[in-house]
Amino acid sequence: MTLPEFDASALTLADAQRKVDDWINEVGVRYFSELTNLAQLVEEVGELSRIVSRTYGEQSFKPGESPSDLSGELADVLFVLICLANQTGVDLTEALNRTLEKKTARDRDRHQNNPKLQS
């Protein structure tokens, strides 16, 4: 069993959604329930938070604890998020475009005028 190849340098959100769906159907057997995937997403975000808080925040790693792979944790979050999108029929490209339009209209001047963001 071989999954279709994708040019990783040009991977779109639609490609990612198809690639994850192919993986689920060929390797993962089926999607977990939406509720299970939400729990998985929370777990993965927690793992990401641990790395970020210890790498960039005031927390430190415990003796003998090795820093984990930030990129791997981000990818784990993305994978589960894509699973949720796929199983609920959400087109992430359309959803992200709508969100960017909404944020642009709402926040066009807000961040530019925020003195906390001025360097």
PDB file of N, CA and C in Angstrom:
ATOM      1  N   MET A   1       0.849  -1.163   0.000  1.00  0.00           N
ATOM      2  CA  MET A   1       0.000   0.000   0.000  1.00  0.00           C
ATOM      3  C   MET A   1       0.901   1.234   0.000  1.00  0.00           C
ATOM      4  N   THR A   2       0.705   2.060  -0.999  1.00  0.00           N
ATOM      5  CA  THR A   2       1.460   3.304  -1.098  1.00  0.00           C
ATOM      6  C   THR A   2       0.501   4.465  -1.252  1.00  0.00           C
ATOM      7  N   LEU A   3       0.746   5.464  -0.456  1.00  0.00           N
ATOM      8  CA  LEU A   3      -0.063   6.674  -0.545  1.00  0.00           C
ATOM      9  C   LEU A   3       0.447   7.522  -1.697  1.00  0.00           C
ATOM     10  N   PRO A   4      -0.438   8.311  -2.318  1.00  0.00           N
ATOM     11  CA  PRO A   4       0.018   9.164  -3.418  1.00  0.00           C
ATOM     12  C   PRO A   4       1.059  10.164  -2.946  1.00  0.00           C
ATOM     13  N   GLU A   5       2.009  10.432  -3.818  1.00  0.00           N
ATOM     14  CA  GLU A   5       3.058  11.398  -3.495  1.00  0.00           C
ATOM     15  C   GLU A   5       2.537  12.818  -3.657  1.00  0.00           C
ATOM     16  N   PHE A   6       2.983  13.700  -2.803  1.00  0.00           N
ATOM     17  CA  PHE A   6       2.650  15.117  -2.892  1.00  0.00           C
ATOM     18  C   PHE A   6       3.946  15.897  -2.887  1.00  0.00           C
ATOM     19  N   ASP A   7       3.977  16.966  -3.657  1.00  0.00           N
ATOM     20  CA  ASP A   7       5.124  17.869  -3.629  1.00  0.00           C
ATOM     21  C   ASP A   7       5.002  18.689  -2.350  1.00  0.00           C
ATOM     22  N   ALA A   8       5.779  18.333  -1.349  1.00  0.00           N
ATOM     23  CA  ALA A   8       5.675  18.979  -0.039  1.00  0.00           C
ATOM     24  C   ALA A   8       5.931  20.480  -0.101  1.00  0.00           C
ATOM     25  N   SER A   9       6.705  20.926  -1.085  1.00  0.00           N
ATOM     26  CA  SER A   9       6.996  22.353  -1.169  1.00  0.00           C
ATOM     27  C   SER A   9       5.787  23.145  -1.670  1.00  0.00           C
ATOM     28  N   ALA A  10       4.802  22.454  -2.233  1.00  0.00           N
ATOM     29  CA  ALA A  10       3.628  23.131  -2.775  1.00  0.00           C
ATOM     30  C   ALA A  10       2.339  22.547  -2.195  1.00  0.00           C
ATOM     31  N   LEU A  11       2.404  21.989  -1.011  1.00  0.00           N
ATOM     32  CA  LEU A  11       1.246  21.358  -0.380  1.00  0.00           C
ATOM     33  C   LEU A  11       0.216  22.416   0.014  1.00  0.00           C
ATOM     34  N   THR A  12      -0.977  22.304  -0.532  1.00  0.00           N
ATOM     35  CA  THR A  12      -2.055  23.215  -0.179  1.00  0.00           C
ATOM     36  C   THR A  12      -2.866  22.617   0.964  1.00  0.00           C
ATOM     37  N   LEU A  13      -3.756  23.408   1.530  1.00  0.00           N
ATOM     38  CA  LEU A  13      -4.647  22.861   2.558  1.00  0.00           C
ATOM     39  C   LEU A  13      -5.509  21.749   1.977  1.00  0.00           C
ATOM     40  N   ALA A  14      -5.969  21.928   0.744  1.00  0.00           N
ATOM     41  CA  ALA A  14      -6.780  20.890   0.101  1.00  0.00           C
ATOM     42  C   ALA A  14      -5.960  19.607  -0.077  1.00  0.00           C
ATOM     43  N   ASP A  15      -4.693  19.753  -0.485  1.00  0.00           N
ATOM     44  CA  ASP A  15      -3.816  18.580  -0.601  1.00  0.00           C
ATOM     45  C   ASP A  15      -3.662  17.891   0.753  1.00  0.00           C
ATOM     46  N   ALA A  16      -3.451  18.701   1.785  1.00  0.00           N
ATOM     47  CA  ALA A  16      -3.273  18.145   3.128  1.00  0.00           C
ATOM     48  C   ALA A  16      -4.529  17.395   3.568  1.00  0.00           C
ATOM     49  N   GLN A  17      -5.697  17.952   3.284  1.00  0.00           N
ATOM     50  CA  GLN A  17      -6.936  17.274   3.658  1.00  0.00           C
ATOM     51  C   GLN A  17      -7.069  15.942   2.920  1.00  0.00           C
ATOM     52  N   ARG A  18      -6.718  15.924   1.633  1.00  0.00           N
ATOM     53  CA  ARG A  18      -6.775  14.670   0.862  1.00  0.00           C
ATOM     54  C   ARG A  18      -5.744  13.671   1.367  1.00  0.00           C
ATOM     55  N   LYS A  19      -4.544  14.151   1.663  1.00  0.00           N
ATOM     56  CA  LYS A  19      -3.470  13.269   2.117  1.00  0.00           C
ATOM     57  C   LYS A  19      -3.833  12.626   3.456  1.00  0.00           C
ATOM     58  N   VAL A  20      -4.377  13.398   4.372  1.00  0.00           N
ATOM     59  CA  VAL A  20      -4.796  12.847   5.660  1.00  0.00           C
ATOM     60  C   VAL A  20      -5.937  11.850   5.461  1.00  0.00           C
ATOM     61  N   ASP A  21      -6.881  12.186   4.596  1.00  0.00           N
ATOM     62  CA  ASP A  21      -7.994  11.269   4.335  1.00  0.00           C
ATOM     63  C   ASP A  21      -7.482   9.959   3.733  1.00  0.00           C
ATOM     64  N   ASP A  22      -6.547  10.045   2.799  1.00  0.00           N
ATOM     65  CA  ASP A  22      -5.951   8.835   2.230  1.00  0.00           C
ATOM     66  C   ASP A  22      -5.286   8.005   3.324  1.00  0.00           C
ATOM     67  N   TRP A  23      -4.540   8.655   4.204  1.00  0.00           N
ATOM     68  CA  TRP A  23      -3.844   7.942   5.277  1.00  0.00           C
ATOM     69  C   TRP A  23      -4.855   7.252   6.198  1.00  0.00           C
ATOM     70  N   ILE A  24      -5.894   7.985   6.584  1.00  0.00           N
ATOM     71  CA  ILE A  24      -6.915   7.401   7.467  1.00  0.00           C
ATOM     72  C   ILE A  24      -7.520   6.160   6.818  1.00  0.00           C
ATOM     73  N   ASN A  25      -7.875   6.255   5.553  1.00  0.00           N
ATOM     74  CA  ASN A  25      -8.536   5.138   4.877  1.00  0.00           C
ATOM     75  C   ASN A  25      -7.613   3.966   4.577  1.00  0.00           C
ATOM     76  N   GLU A  26      -6.315   4.223   4.411  1.00  0.00           N
ATOM     77  CA  GLU A  26      -5.382   3.151   4.070  1.00  0.00           C
ATOM     78  C   GLU A  26      -4.648   2.590   5.276  1.00  0.00           C
ATOM     79  N   VAL A  27      -4.366   3.419   6.254  1.00  0.00           N
ATOM     80  CA  VAL A  27      -3.568   2.995   7.404  1.00  0.00           C
ATOM     81  C   VAL A  27      -4.382   3.023   8.694  1.00  0.00           C
ATOM     82  N   GLY A  28      -5.148   4.073   8.870  1.00  0.00           N
ATOM     83  CA  GLY A  28      -5.862   4.277  10.130  1.00  0.00           C
ATOM     84  C   GLY A  28      -7.183   3.545  10.236  1.00  0.00           C
ATOM     85  N   VAL A  29      -7.610   2.860   9.212  1.00  0.00           N
ATOM     86  CA  VAL A  29      -8.862   2.096   9.155  1.00  0.00           C
ATOM     87  C   VAL A  29     -10.081   2.995   9.055  1.00  0.00           C
ATOM     88  N   ARG A  30     -10.264   3.900  10.014  1.00  0.00           N
ATOM     89  CA  ARG A  30     -11.383   4.837   9.977  1.00  0.00           C
ATOM     90  C   ARG A  30     -11.049   6.015  10.891  1.00  0.00           C
ATOM     91  N   TYR A  31     -11.820   7.078  10.764  1.00  0.00           N
ATOM     92  CA  TYR A  31     -11.658   8.226  11.661  1.00  0.00           C
ATOM     93  C   TYR A  31     -12.150   7.848  13.051  1.00  0.00           C
ATOM     94  N   PHE A  32     -11.488   8.376  14.075  1.00  0.00           N
ATOM     95  CA  PHE A  32     -12.043   8.310  15.423  1.00  0.00           C
ATOM     96  C   PHE A  32     -13.288   9.183  15.426  1.00  0.00           C
ATOM     97  N   SER A  33     -14.123   9.051  16.422  1.00  0.00           N
ATOM     98  CA  SER A  33     -15.299   9.913  16.512  1.00  0.00           C
ATOM     99  C   SER A  33     -14.853  11.364  16.673  1.00  0.00           C
ATOM    100  N   GLU A  34     -15.763  12.270  16.359  1.00  0.00           N
ATOM    101  CA  GLU A  34     -15.455  13.699  16.497  1.00  0.00           C
ATOM    102  C   GLU A  34     -15.069  14.034  17.935  1.00  0.00           C
ATOM    103  N   LEU A  35     -15.758  13.431  18.882  1.00  0.00           N
ATOM    104  CA  LEU A  35     -15.460  13.695  20.294  1.00  0.00           C
ATOM    105  C   LEU A  35     -14.069  13.178  20.676  1.00  0.00           C
ATOM    106  N   THR A  36     -13.735  11.984  20.189  1.00  0.00           N
ATOM    107  CA  THR A  36     -12.397  11.442  20.453  1.00  0.00           C
ATOM    108  C   THR A  36     -11.341  12.317  19.813  1.00  0.00           C
ATOM    109  N   ASN A  37     -11.584  12.772  18.586  1.00  0.00           N
ATOM    110  CA  ASN A  37     -10.604  13.634  17.931  1.00  0.00           C
ATOM    111  C   ASN A  37     -10.469  14.976  18.633  1.00  0.00           C
ATOM    112  N   LEU A  38     -11.557  15.489  19.184  1.00  0.00           N
ATOM    113  CA  LEU A  38     -11.442  16.725  19.959  1.00  0.00           C
ATOM    114  C   LEU A  38     -10.555  16.490  21.181  1.00  0.00           C
ATOM    115  N   ALA A  39     -10.754  15.368  21.863  1.00  0.00           N
ATOM    116  CA  ALA A  39      -9.907  15.037  23.017  1.00  0.00           C
ATOM    117  C   ALA A  39      -8.450  14.885  22.579  1.00  0.00           C
ATOM    118  N   GLN A  40      -8.229  14.249  21.418  1.00  0.00           N
ATOM    119  CA  GLN A  40      -6.873  14.104  20.878  1.00  0.00           C
ATOM    120  C   GLN A  40      -6.260  15.467  20.582  1.00  0.00           C
ATOM    121  N   LEU A  41      -7.070  16.380  20.025  1.00  0.00           N
ATOM    122  CA  LEU A  41      -6.583  17.718  19.711  1.00  0.00           C
ATOM    123  C   LEU A  41      -6.156  18.447  20.982  1.00  0.00           C
ATOM    124  N   VAL A  42      -6.965  18.357  22.014  1.00  0.00           N
ATOM    125  CA  VAL A  42      -6.632  19.000  23.290  1.00  0.00           C
ATOM    126  C   VAL A  42      -5.333  18.409  23.852  1.00  0.00           C
ATOM    127  N   GLU A  43      -5.201  17.089  23.753  1.00  0.00           N
ATOM    128  CA  GLU A  43      -3.977  16.435  24.227  1.00  0.00           C
ATOM    129  C   GLU A  43      -2.751  16.931  23.454  1.00  0.00           C
ATOM    130  N   GLU A  44      -2.876  17.005  22.138  1.00  0.00           N
ATOM    131  CA  GLU A  44      -1.750  17.461  21.316  1.00  0.00           C
ATOM    132  C   GLU A  44      -1.409  18.924  21.589  1.00  0.00           C
ATOM    133  N   VAL A  45      -2.429  19.755  21.783  1.00  0.00           N
ATOM    134  CA  VAL A  45      -2.177  21.166  22.108  1.00  0.00           C
ATOM    135  C   VAL A  45      -1.472  21.263  23.462  1.00  0.00           C
ATOM    136  N   GLY A  46      -1.835  20.391  24.393  1.00  0.00           N
ATOM    137  CA  GLY A  46      -1.153  20.362  25.687  1.00  0.00           C
ATOM    138  C   GLY A  46       0.322  20.027  25.541  1.00  0.00           C
ATOM    139  N   GLU A  47       0.633  19.061  24.690  1.00  0.00           N
ATOM    140  CA  GLU A  47       2.034  18.706  24.447  1.00  0.00           C
ATOM    141  C   GLU A  47       2.779  19.867  23.797  1.00  0.00           C
ATOM    142  N   LEU A  48       2.130  20.545  22.876  1.00  0.00           N
ATOM    143  CA  LEU A  48       2.717  21.724  22.248  1.00  0.00           C
ATOM    144  C   LEU A  48       2.950  22.820  23.290  1.00  0.00           C
ATOM    145  N   SER A  49       1.975  23.026  24.143  1.00  0.00           N
ATOM    146  CA  SER A  49       2.083  24.056  25.188  1.00  0.00           C
ATOM    147  C   SER A  49       3.257  23.785  26.119  1.00  0.00           C
ATOM    148  N   ARG A  50       3.459  22.532  26.462  1.00  0.00           N
ATOM    149  CA  ARG A  50       4.560  22.165  27.346  1.00  0.00           C
ATOM    150  C   ARG A  50       5.902  22.566  26.735  1.00  0.00           C
ATOM    151  N   ILE A  51       6.065  22.263  25.465  1.00  0.00           N
ATOM    152  CA  ILE A  51       7.330  22.610  24.794  1.00  0.00           C
ATOM    153  C   ILE A  51       7.515  24.118  24.721  1.00  0.00           C
ATOM    154  N   VAL A  52       6.463  24.825  24.322  1.00  0.00           N
ATOM    155  CA  VAL A  52       6.570  26.282  24.165  1.00  0.00           C
ATOM    156  C   VAL A  52       6.831  26.952  25.510  1.00  0.00           C
ATOM    157  N   SER A  53       6.127  26.508  26.564  1.00  0.00           N
ATOM    158  CA  SER A  53       6.310  27.151  27.871  1.00  0.00           C
ATOM    159  C   SER A  53       7.703  26.913  28.433  1.00  0.00           C
ATOM    160  N   ARG A  54       8.307  25.778  28.099  1.00  0.00           N
ATOM    161  CA  ARG A  54       9.644  25.482  28.610  1.00  0.00           C
ATOM    162  C   ARG A  54      10.748  26.036  27.711  1.00  0.00           C
ATOM    163  N   THR A  55      10.449  26.203  26.443  1.00  0.00           N
ATOM    164  CA  THR A  55      11.455  26.719  25.512  1.00  0.00           C
ATOM    165  C   THR A  55      11.454  28.246  25.466  1.00  0.00           C
ATOM    166  N   TYR A  56      10.269  28.854  25.489  1.00  0.00           N
ATOM    167  CA  TYR A  56      10.164  30.308  25.316  1.00  0.00           C
ATOM    168  C   TYR A  56       9.640  31.028  26.551  1.00  0.00           C
ATOM    169  N   GLY A  57       9.098  30.296  27.500  1.00  0.00           N
ATOM    170  CA  GLY A  57       8.539  30.905  28.695  1.00  0.00           C
ATOM    171  C   GLY A  57       9.460  30.738  29.895  1.00  0.00           C
ATOM    172  N   GLU A  58       8.896  30.921  31.059  1.00  0.00           N
ATOM    173  CA  GLU A  58       9.678  30.873  32.287  1.00  0.00           C
ATOM    174  C   GLU A  58       9.878  29.462  32.824  1.00  0.00           C
ATOM    175  N   GLN A  59       9.104  28.505  32.339  1.00  0.00           N
ATOM    176  CA  GLN A  59       9.253  27.122  32.789  1.00  0.00           C
ATOM    177  C   GLN A  59      10.578  26.554  32.292  1.00  0.00           C
ATOM    178  N   SER A  60      11.083  25.549  32.987  1.00  0.00           N
ATOM    179  CA  SER A  60      12.293  24.862  32.521  1.00  0.00           C
ATOM    180  C   SER A  60      12.004  23.368  32.450  1.00  0.00           C
ATOM    181  N   PHE A  61      12.799  22.673  31.667  1.00  0.00           N
ATOM    182  CA  PHE A  61      12.658  21.231  31.571  1.00  0.00           C
ATOM    183  C   PHE A  61      13.181  20.614  32.864  1.00  0.00           C
ATOM    184  N   LYS A  62      12.575  19.536  33.300  1.00  0.00           N
ATOM    185  CA  LYS A  62      13.017  18.825  34.503  1.00  0.00           C
ATOM    186  C   LYS A  62      14.345  18.145  34.208  1.00  0.00           C
ATOM    187  N   PRO A  63      15.139  17.888  35.273  1.00  0.00           N
ATOM    188  CA  PRO A  63      16.404  17.172  35.049  1.00  0.00           C
ATOM    189  C   PRO A  63      16.136  15.828  34.358  1.00  0.00           C
ATOM    190  N   GLY A  64      16.915  15.563  33.325  1.00  0.00           N
ATOM    191  CA  GLY A  64      16.758  14.320  32.579  1.00  0.00           C
ATOM    192  C   GLY A  64      15.694  14.373  31.502  1.00  0.00           C
ATOM    193  N   GLU A  65      14.868  15.423  31.510  1.00  0.00           N
ATOM    194  CA  GLU A  65      13.819  15.573  30.496  1.00  0.00           C
ATOM    195  C   GLU A  65      14.427  16.238  29.273  1.00  0.00           C
ATOM    196  N   SER A  66      14.210  15.647  28.119  1.00  0.00           N
ATOM    197  CA  SER A  66      14.782  16.239  26.916  1.00  0.00           C
ATOM    198  C   SER A  66      13.712  17.037  26.189  1.00  0.00           C
ATOM    199  N   PRO A  67      14.111  18.160  25.626  1.00  0.00           N
ATOM    200  CA  PRO A  67      13.154  18.957  24.859  1.00  0.00           C
ATOM    201  C   PRO A  67      12.597  18.139  23.696  1.00  0.00           C
ATOM    202  N   SER A  68      11.312  18.253  23.480  1.00  0.00           N
ATOM    203  CA  SER A  68      10.684  17.541  22.375  1.00  0.00           C
ATOM    204  C   SER A  68      10.763  18.380  21.110  1.00  0.00           C
ATOM    205  N   ASP A  69      10.284  17.806  20.052  1.00  0.00           N
ATOM    206  CA  ASP A  69      10.343  18.417  18.735  1.00  0.00           C
ATOM    207  C   ASP A  69       9.149  19.339  18.512  1.00  0.00           C
ATOM    208  N   LEU A  70       9.374  20.643  18.503  1.00  0.00           N
ATOM    209  CA  LEU A  70       8.309  21.616  18.307  1.00  0.00           C
ATOM    210  C   LEU A  70       7.599  21.385  16.971  1.00  0.00           C
ATOM    211  N   SER A  71       8.355  21.169  15.910  1.00  0.00           N
ATOM    212  CA  SER A  71       7.729  20.981  14.601  1.00  0.00           C
ATOM    213  C   SER A  71       6.856  19.731  14.579  1.00  0.00           C
ATOM    214  N   GLY A  72       7.300  18.692  15.243  1.00  0.00           N
ATOM    215  CA  GLY A  72       6.504  17.471  15.315  1.00  0.00           C
ATOM    216  C   GLY A  72       5.199  17.674  16.058  1.00  0.00           C
ATOM    217  N   GLU A  73       5.246  18.436  17.143  1.00  0.00           N
ATOM    218  CA  GLU A  73       4.021  18.700  17.914  1.00  0.00           C
ATOM    219  C   GLU A  73       3.064  19.583  17.124  1.00  0.00           C
ATOM    220  N   LEU A  74       3.599  20.580  16.413  1.00  0.00           N
ATOM    221  CA  LEU A  74       2.743  21.413  15.560  1.00  0.00           C
ATOM    222  C   LEU A  74       2.076  20.562  14.484  1.00  0.00           C
ATOM    223  N   ALA A  75       2.838  19.644  13.905  1.00  0.00           N
ATOM    224  CA  ALA A  75       2.286  18.761  12.876  1.00  0.00           C
ATOM    225  C   ALA A  75       1.223  17.831  13.459  1.00  0.00           C
ATOM    226  N   ASP A  76       1.422  17.358  14.699  1.00  0.00           N
ATOM    227  CA  ASP A  76       0.413  16.513  15.347  1.00  0.00           C
ATOM    228  C   ASP A  76      -0.897  17.278  15.529  1.00  0.00           C
ATOM    229  N   VAL A  77      -0.798  18.539  15.952  1.00  0.00           N
ATOM    230  CA  VAL A  77      -1.992  19.378  16.105  1.00  0.00           C
ATOM    231  C   VAL A  77      -2.679  19.551  14.754  1.00  0.00           C
ATOM    232  N   LEU A  78      -1.901  19.847  13.731  1.00  0.00           N
ATOM    233  CA  LEU A  78      -2.454  20.049  12.392  1.00  0.00           C
ATOM    234  C   LEU A  78      -3.134  18.780  11.880  1.00  0.00           C
ATOM    235  N   PHE A  79      -2.520  17.630  12.099  1.00  0.00           N
ATOM    236  CA  PHE A  79      -3.086  16.361  11.649  1.00  0.00           C
ATOM    237  C   PHE A  79      -4.474  16.133  12.255  1.00  0.00           C
ATOM    238  N   VAL A  80      -4.584  16.294  13.565  1.00  0.00           N
ATOM    239  CA  VAL A  80      -5.873  16.046  14.218  1.00  0.00           C
ATOM    240  C   VAL A  80      -6.891  17.109  13.799  1.00  0.00           C
ATOM    241  N   LEU A  81      -6.460  18.344  13.644  1.00  0.00           N
ATOM    242  CA  LEU A  81      -7.349  19.399  13.182  1.00  0.00           C
ATOM    243  C   LEU A  81      -7.892  19.079  11.788  1.00  0.00           C
ATOM    244  N   ILE A  82      -7.021  18.584  10.921  1.00  0.00           N
ATOM    245  CA  ILE A  82      -7.453  18.188   9.583  1.00  0.00           C
ATOM    246  C   ILE A  82      -8.429  17.014   9.660  1.00  0.00           C
ATOM    247  N   CYS A  83      -8.171  16.071  10.541  1.00  0.00           N
ATOM    248  CA  CYS A  83      -9.115  14.954  10.727  1.00  0.00           C
ATOM    249  C   CYS A  83     -10.499  15.486  11.086  1.00  0.00           C
ATOM    250  N   LEU A  84     -10.557  16.409  12.035  1.00  0.00           N
ATOM    251  CA  LEU A  84     -11.848  16.986  12.431  1.00  0.00           C
ATOM    252  C   LEU A  84     -12.518  17.703  11.270  1.00  0.00           C
ATOM    253  N   ALA A  85     -11.743  18.434  10.498  1.00  0.00           N
ATOM    254  CA  ALA A  85     -12.302  19.137   9.335  1.00  0.00           C
ATOM    255  C   ALA A  85     -12.853  18.130   8.326  1.00  0.00           C
ATOM    256  N   ASN A  86     -12.079  17.106   8.039  1.00  0.00           N
ATOM    257  CA  ASN A  86     -12.505  16.111   7.058  1.00  0.00           C
ATOM    258  C   ASN A  86     -13.799  15.422   7.474  1.00  0.00           C
ATOM    259  N   GLN A  87     -13.863  14.999   8.709  1.00  0.00           N
ATOM    260  CA  GLN A  87     -15.023  14.203   9.116  1.00  0.00           C
ATOM    261  C   GLN A  87     -16.270  15.049   9.347  1.00  0.00           C
ATOM    262  N   THR A  88     -16.114  16.361   9.403  1.00  0.00           N
ATOM    263  CA  THR A  88     -17.279  17.237   9.572  1.00  0.00           C
ATOM    264  C   THR A  88     -17.588  18.018   8.300  1.00  0.00           C
ATOM    265  N   GLY A  89     -16.854  17.728   7.228  1.00  0.00           N
ATOM    266  CA  GLY A  89     -17.140  18.354   5.934  1.00  0.00           C
ATOM    267  C   GLY A  89     -16.685  19.791   5.806  1.00  0.00           C
ATOM    268  N   VAL A  90     -15.683  20.185   6.570  1.00  0.00           N
ATOM    269  CA  VAL A  90     -15.175  21.561   6.498  1.00  0.00           C
ATOM    270  C   VAL A  90     -14.041  21.641   5.482  1.00  0.00           C
ATOM    271  N   ASP A  91     -14.170  22.549   4.535  1.00  0.00           N
ATOM    272  CA  ASP A  91     -13.106  22.843   3.574  1.00  0.00           C
ATOM    273  C   ASP A  91     -12.216  23.894   4.245  1.00  0.00           C
ATOM    274  N   LEU A  92     -11.031  23.485   4.666  1.00  0.00           N
ATOM    275  CA  LEU A  92     -10.158  24.396   5.416  1.00  0.00           C
ATOM    276  C   LEU A  92      -9.688  25.588   4.588  1.00  0.00           C
ATOM    277  N   THR A  93      -9.553  25.428   3.284  1.00  0.00           N
ATOM    278  CA  THR A  93      -9.161  26.554   2.437  1.00  0.00           C
ATOM    279  C   THR A  93     -10.232  27.636   2.490  1.00  0.00           C
ATOM    280  N   GLU A  94     -11.481  27.242   2.270  1.00  0.00           N
ATOM    281  CA  GLU A  94     -12.588  28.204   2.336  1.00  0.00           C
ATOM    282  C   GLU A  94     -12.713  28.799   3.732  1.00  0.00           C
ATOM    283  N   ALA A  95     -12.608  27.957   4.758  1.00  0.00           N
ATOM    284  CA  ALA A  95     -12.751  28.438   6.136  1.00  0.00           C
ATOM    285  C   ALA A  95     -11.662  29.438   6.491  1.00  0.00           C
ATOM    286  N   LEU A  96     -10.420  29.150   6.110  1.00  0.00           N
ATOM    287  CA  LEU A  96      -9.320  30.067   6.414  1.00  0.00           C
ATOM    288  C   LEU A  96      -9.489  31.377   5.651  1.00  0.00           C
ATOM    289  N   ASN A  97      -9.893  31.304   4.395  1.00  0.00           N
ATOM    290  CA  ASN A  97     -10.126  32.532   3.628  1.00  0.00           C
ATOM    291  C   ASN A  97     -11.208  33.390   4.267  1.00  0.00           C
ATOM    292  N   ARG A  98     -12.306  32.766   4.717  1.00  0.00           N
ATOM    293  CA  ARG A  98     -13.373  33.522   5.403  1.00  0.00           C
ATOM    294  C   ARG A  98     -12.854  34.162   6.689  1.00  0.00           C
ATOM    295  N   THR A  99     -12.049  33.431   7.427  1.00  0.00           N
ATOM    296  CA  THR A  99     -11.502  33.971   8.672  1.00  0.00           C
ATOM    297  C   THR A  99     -10.565  35.142   8.399  1.00  0.00           C
ATOM    298  N   LEU A 100      -9.715  35.021   7.375  1.00  0.00           N
ATOM    299  CA  LEU A 100      -8.812  36.125   7.043  1.00  0.00           C
ATOM    300  C   LEU A 100      -9.592  37.364   6.607  1.00  0.00           C
ATOM    301  N   GLU A 101     -10.650  37.171   5.830  1.00  0.00           N
ATOM    302  CA  GLU A 101     -11.495  38.303   5.428  1.00  0.00           C
ATOM    303  C   GLU A 101     -12.151  38.944   6.645  1.00  0.00           C
ATOM    304  N   LYS A 102     -12.681  38.121   7.539  1.00  0.00           N
ATOM    305  CA  LYS A 102     -13.338  38.628   8.751  1.00  0.00           C
ATOM    306  C   LYS A 102     -12.349  39.418   9.604  1.00  0.00           C
ATOM    307  N   LYS A 103     -11.166  38.842   9.837  1.00  0.00           N
ATOM    308  CA  LYS A 103     -10.169  39.503  10.677  1.00  0.00           C
ATOM    309  C   LYS A 103      -9.655  40.787  10.035  1.00  0.00           C
ATOM    310  N   THR A 104      -9.508  40.777   8.719  1.00  0.00           N
ATOM    311  CA  THR A 104      -9.047  41.975   8.024  1.00  0.00           C
ATOM    312  C   THR A 104     -10.067  43.100   8.171  1.00  0.00           C
ATOM    313  N   ALA A 105     -11.344  42.788   7.958  1.00  0.00           N
ATOM    314  CA  ALA A 105     -12.388  43.810   8.086  1.00  0.00           C
ATOM    315  C   ALA A 105     -12.484  44.313   9.527  1.00  0.00           C
ATOM    316  N   ARG A 106     -12.422  43.411  10.478  1.00  0.00           N
ATOM    317  CA  ARG A 106     -12.600  43.770  11.880  1.00  0.00           C
ATOM    318  C   ARG A 106     -11.374  44.459  12.469  1.00  0.00           C
ATOM    319  N   ASP A 107     -10.196  43.998  12.090  1.00  0.00           N
ATOM    320  CA  ASP A 107      -8.971  44.438  12.765  1.00  0.00           C
ATOM    321  C   ASP A 107      -8.061  45.286  11.888  1.00  0.00           C
ATOM    322  N   ARG A 108      -8.610  45.793  10.774  1.00  0.00           N
ATOM    323  CA  ARG A 108      -7.786  46.544   9.820  1.00  0.00           C
ATOM    324  C   ARG A 108      -6.926  47.611  10.511  1.00  0.00           C
ATOM    325  N   ASP A 109      -7.509  48.385  11.395  1.00  0.00           N
ATOM    326  CA  ASP A 109      -6.763  49.459  12.075  1.00  0.00           C
ATOM    327  C   ASP A 109      -6.419  49.131  13.516  1.00  0.00           C
ATOM    328  N   ARG A 110      -7.097  48.155  14.066  1.00  0.00           N
ATOM    329  CA  ARG A 110      -6.949  47.850  15.495  1.00  0.00           C
ATOM    330  C   ARG A 110      -5.490  47.587  15.886  1.00  0.00           C
ATOM    331  N   HIS A 111      -4.818  46.696  15.174  1.00  0.00           N
ATOM    332  CA  HIS A 111      -3.446  46.340  15.551  1.00  0.00           C
ATOM    333  C   HIS A 111      -2.455  47.441  15.177  1.00  0.00           C
ATOM    334  N   GLN A 112      -2.711  48.128  14.074  1.00  0.00           N
ATOM    335  CA  GLN A 112      -1.826  49.216  13.670  1.00  0.00           C
ATOM    336  C   GLN A 112      -1.831  50.334  14.703  1.00  0.00           C
ATOM    337  N   ASN A 113      -2.971  50.515  15.377  1.00  0.00           N
ATOM    338  CA  ASN A 113      -3.106  51.590  16.353  1.00  0.00           C
ATOM    339  C   ASN A 113      -2.875  51.144  17.793  1.00  0.00           C
ATOM    340  N   ASN A 114      -2.457  49.915  17.990  1.00  0.00           N
ATOM    341  CA  ASN A 114      -2.228  49.391  19.332  1.00  0.00           C
ATOM    342  C   ASN A 114      -0.817  49.777  19.792  1.00  0.00           C
ATOM    343  N   PRO A 115      -0.718  50.668  20.794  1.00  0.00           N
ATOM    344  CA  PRO A 115       0.614  51.101  21.236  1.00  0.00           C
ATOM    345  C   PRO A 115       1.456  49.955  21.813  1.00  0.00           C
ATOM    346  N   LYS A 116       0.809  48.889  22.265  1.00  0.00           N
ATOM    347  CA  LYS A 116       1.548  47.744  22.802  1.00  0.00           C
ATOM    348  C   LYS A 116       2.318  47.003  21.708  1.00  0.00           C
ATOM    349  N   LEU A 117       1.905  47.190  20.469  1.00  0.00           N
ATOM    350  CA  LEU A 117       2.547  46.490  19.366  1.00  0.00           C
ATOM    351  C   LEU A 117       3.588  47.362  18.634  1.00  0.00           C
ATOM    352  N   GLN A 118       3.734  48.591  19.058  1.00  0.00           N
ATOM    353  CA  GLN A 118       4.699  49.494  18.426  1.00  0.00           C
ATOM    354  C   GLN A 118       6.085  49.194  18.998  1.00  0.00           C
ATOM    355  N   SER A 119       7.073  49.079  18.119  1.00  0.00           N
ATOM    356  CA  SER A 119       8.424  48.766  18.636  1.00  0.00           C
ATOM    357  C   SER A 119       9.274  49.986  18.760  1.00  0.00           C
TER     358      SER A 119
END
